[in-house]
Protein backbone atom coordinates (compact mmCIF):
# COMPACT_ATOMS: atom_id res chain seq x y z
CA UNK A 1 33.41 -11.25 54.74
CA UNK A 2 35.64 -13.68 52.98
CA UNK A 3 35.34 -15.38 49.62
CA UNK A 4 34.43 -18.53 51.60
CA UNK A 5 31.08 -16.85 52.36
CA UNK A 6 30.20 -16.35 48.70
CA UNK A 7 29.13 -19.97 48.03
CA UNK A 8 26.65 -19.76 50.93
CA UNK A 9 25.27 -16.49 49.57
CA UNK A 10 24.98 -17.96 46.07
CA UNK A 11 23.26 -21.08 47.40
CA UNK A 12 20.77 -18.97 49.35
CA UNK A 13 19.96 -16.81 46.33
CA UNK A 14 19.46 -19.86 44.12
CA UNK A 15 17.25 -21.53 46.71
CA UNK A 16 14.87 -18.55 46.63
CA UNK A 17 14.45 -18.45 42.83
CA UNK A 18 11.65 -21.04 42.68
CA UNK A 19 9.57 -19.06 45.16
CA UNK A 20 10.21 -15.82 43.31
CA UNK A 21 9.34 -17.48 40.01
CA UNK A 22 6.11 -18.92 41.42
CA UNK A 23 4.98 -15.47 42.55
CA UNK A 24 5.91 -13.86 39.22
CA UNK A 25 4.29 -16.52 37.04
CA UNK A 26 1.19 -16.61 39.22
CA UNK A 27 0.65 -12.88 38.78
CA UNK A 28 1.97 -12.46 35.22
CA UNK A 29 -0.60 -11.17 32.73
CA UNK A 30 -3.24 -10.53 35.39
CA UNK A 31 -5.39 -7.59 34.44
CA UNK A 32 -6.07 -4.64 36.70
CA UNK A 33 -2.85 -5.10 38.62
CA UNK A 34 -0.90 -1.98 37.68
CA UNK A 35 -0.71 0.98 40.08
CA UNK A 36 1.60 3.95 40.21
CA UNK A 37 3.75 5.31 43.03
CA UNK A 38 5.34 8.75 43.21
CA UNK A 39 3.24 9.83 40.25
CA UNK A 40 4.75 7.80 37.42
CA UNK A 41 6.57 4.70 38.71
CA UNK A 42 4.65 1.50 37.98
CA UNK A 43 4.13 -0.99 40.82
CA UNK A 44 2.28 -4.30 41.02
CA UNK A 45 1.29 -6.87 43.62
CA UNK A 46 4.25 -8.94 42.37
CA UNK A 47 6.63 -6.12 43.37
CA UNK A 48 5.26 -6.14 46.91
CA UNK A 49 5.10 -9.91 47.34
CA UNK A 50 8.55 -10.64 45.91
CA UNK A 51 10.21 -7.91 47.97
CA UNK A 52 8.52 -9.15 51.16
CA UNK A 53 9.68 -12.70 50.40
CA UNK A 54 13.26 -11.61 49.78
CA UNK A 55 13.40 -9.48 52.92
CA UNK A 56 12.06 -12.40 54.97
CA UNK A 57 14.58 -14.85 53.49
CA UNK A 58 17.54 -12.47 53.83
CA UNK A 59 16.66 -11.66 57.45
CA UNK A 60 16.46 -15.39 58.27
CA UNK A 61 19.66 -16.39 56.45
CA UNK A 62 21.81 -13.31 57.14
CA UNK A 63 20.36 -11.58 60.22
CA UNK A 64 23.19 -9.06 60.56
CA UNK A 65 22.76 -7.68 57.04
CA UNK A 66 20.84 -4.53 56.13
CA UNK A 67 18.23 -4.61 53.35
CA UNK A 68 17.21 -1.76 51.06
CA UNK A 69 14.28 -2.53 48.75
CA UNK A 70 12.89 -0.47 45.91
CA UNK A 71 9.30 -0.77 47.10
CA UNK A 72 9.55 -0.58 50.90
CA UNK A 73 12.92 1.12 51.29
CA UNK A 74 14.81 0.35 54.47
CA UNK A 75 13.44 -2.93 55.79
CA UNK A 76 14.72 -2.54 59.32
CA UNK A 77 18.29 -2.16 60.39
CA UNK A 78 19.04 0.65 57.96
CA UNK A 79 21.91 0.77 55.56
CA UNK A 80 24.77 -1.19 57.04
CA UNK A 81 27.38 0.75 58.92
CA UNK A 82 30.68 1.31 57.16
CA UNK A 83 32.07 -2.07 56.24
CA UNK A 84 28.76 -3.88 56.83
CA UNK A 85 26.73 -5.73 54.21
CA UNK A 86 23.65 -4.30 52.53
CA UNK A 87 21.32 -6.07 50.10
CA UNK A 88 19.67 -3.94 47.40
CA UNK A 89 16.45 -5.30 45.88
CA UNK A 90 14.39 -4.55 42.80
CA UNK A 91 11.70 -7.23 43.02
CA UNK A 92 10.36 -6.72 39.49
CA UNK A 93 12.93 -4.93 37.36
CA UNK A 94 10.79 -4.02 34.36
CA UNK A 95 7.48 -3.59 36.17
CA UNK A 96 5.78 -1.86 33.25
CA UNK A 97 6.72 -4.72 30.90
CA UNK A 98 5.50 -7.21 33.51
CA UNK A 99 2.18 -5.42 33.89
CA UNK A 100 1.71 -5.28 30.11
CA UNK A 101 2.31 -9.02 29.77
CA UNK A 102 5.72 -8.61 28.15
CA UNK A 103 8.27 -11.19 29.33
CA UNK A 104 11.14 -8.68 29.56
CA UNK A 105 11.52 -8.38 33.33
CA UNK A 106 13.58 -9.93 36.12
CA UNK A 107 14.29 -9.72 39.83
CA UNK A 108 17.50 -7.82 40.58
CA UNK A 109 19.47 -8.39 43.77
CA UNK A 110 22.81 -6.86 44.70
CA UNK A 111 24.91 -7.31 47.81
CA UNK A 112 27.53 -4.82 48.89
CA UNK A 113 29.98 -4.77 51.74
CA UNK A 114 31.11 -1.22 52.28
CA UNK A 115 31.96 0.01 48.77
CA UNK A 116 32.61 -3.47 47.35
CA UNK A 117 30.03 -5.26 45.20
CA UNK A 118 29.90 -8.90 46.29
CA UNK A 119 26.94 -10.27 44.34
């Protein structure tokens, strides 16, 4: 990866924000949406839908990259081999706030190549 690739990555991320926002706003403050995984971790339909969208977009735009999501884990391809790129996703960072109708949440996305954080 070179720094020349970063503008394409940034453009891709920005192009997905409207879709992510539409999912989040469409499901925000809906009642009866909160569930729990692993005993105590909150999860909502928004978590699932946003992660699926991001995995689909990343696979289409960057087919050689690995994806690790908070909700579904390894989305095919596994963690990238040494030196490869891996995307890390938290589709609704602040799920409990989201489910309670509090606007303190976001979607978190990180991209690493080997041990280097790229985005």
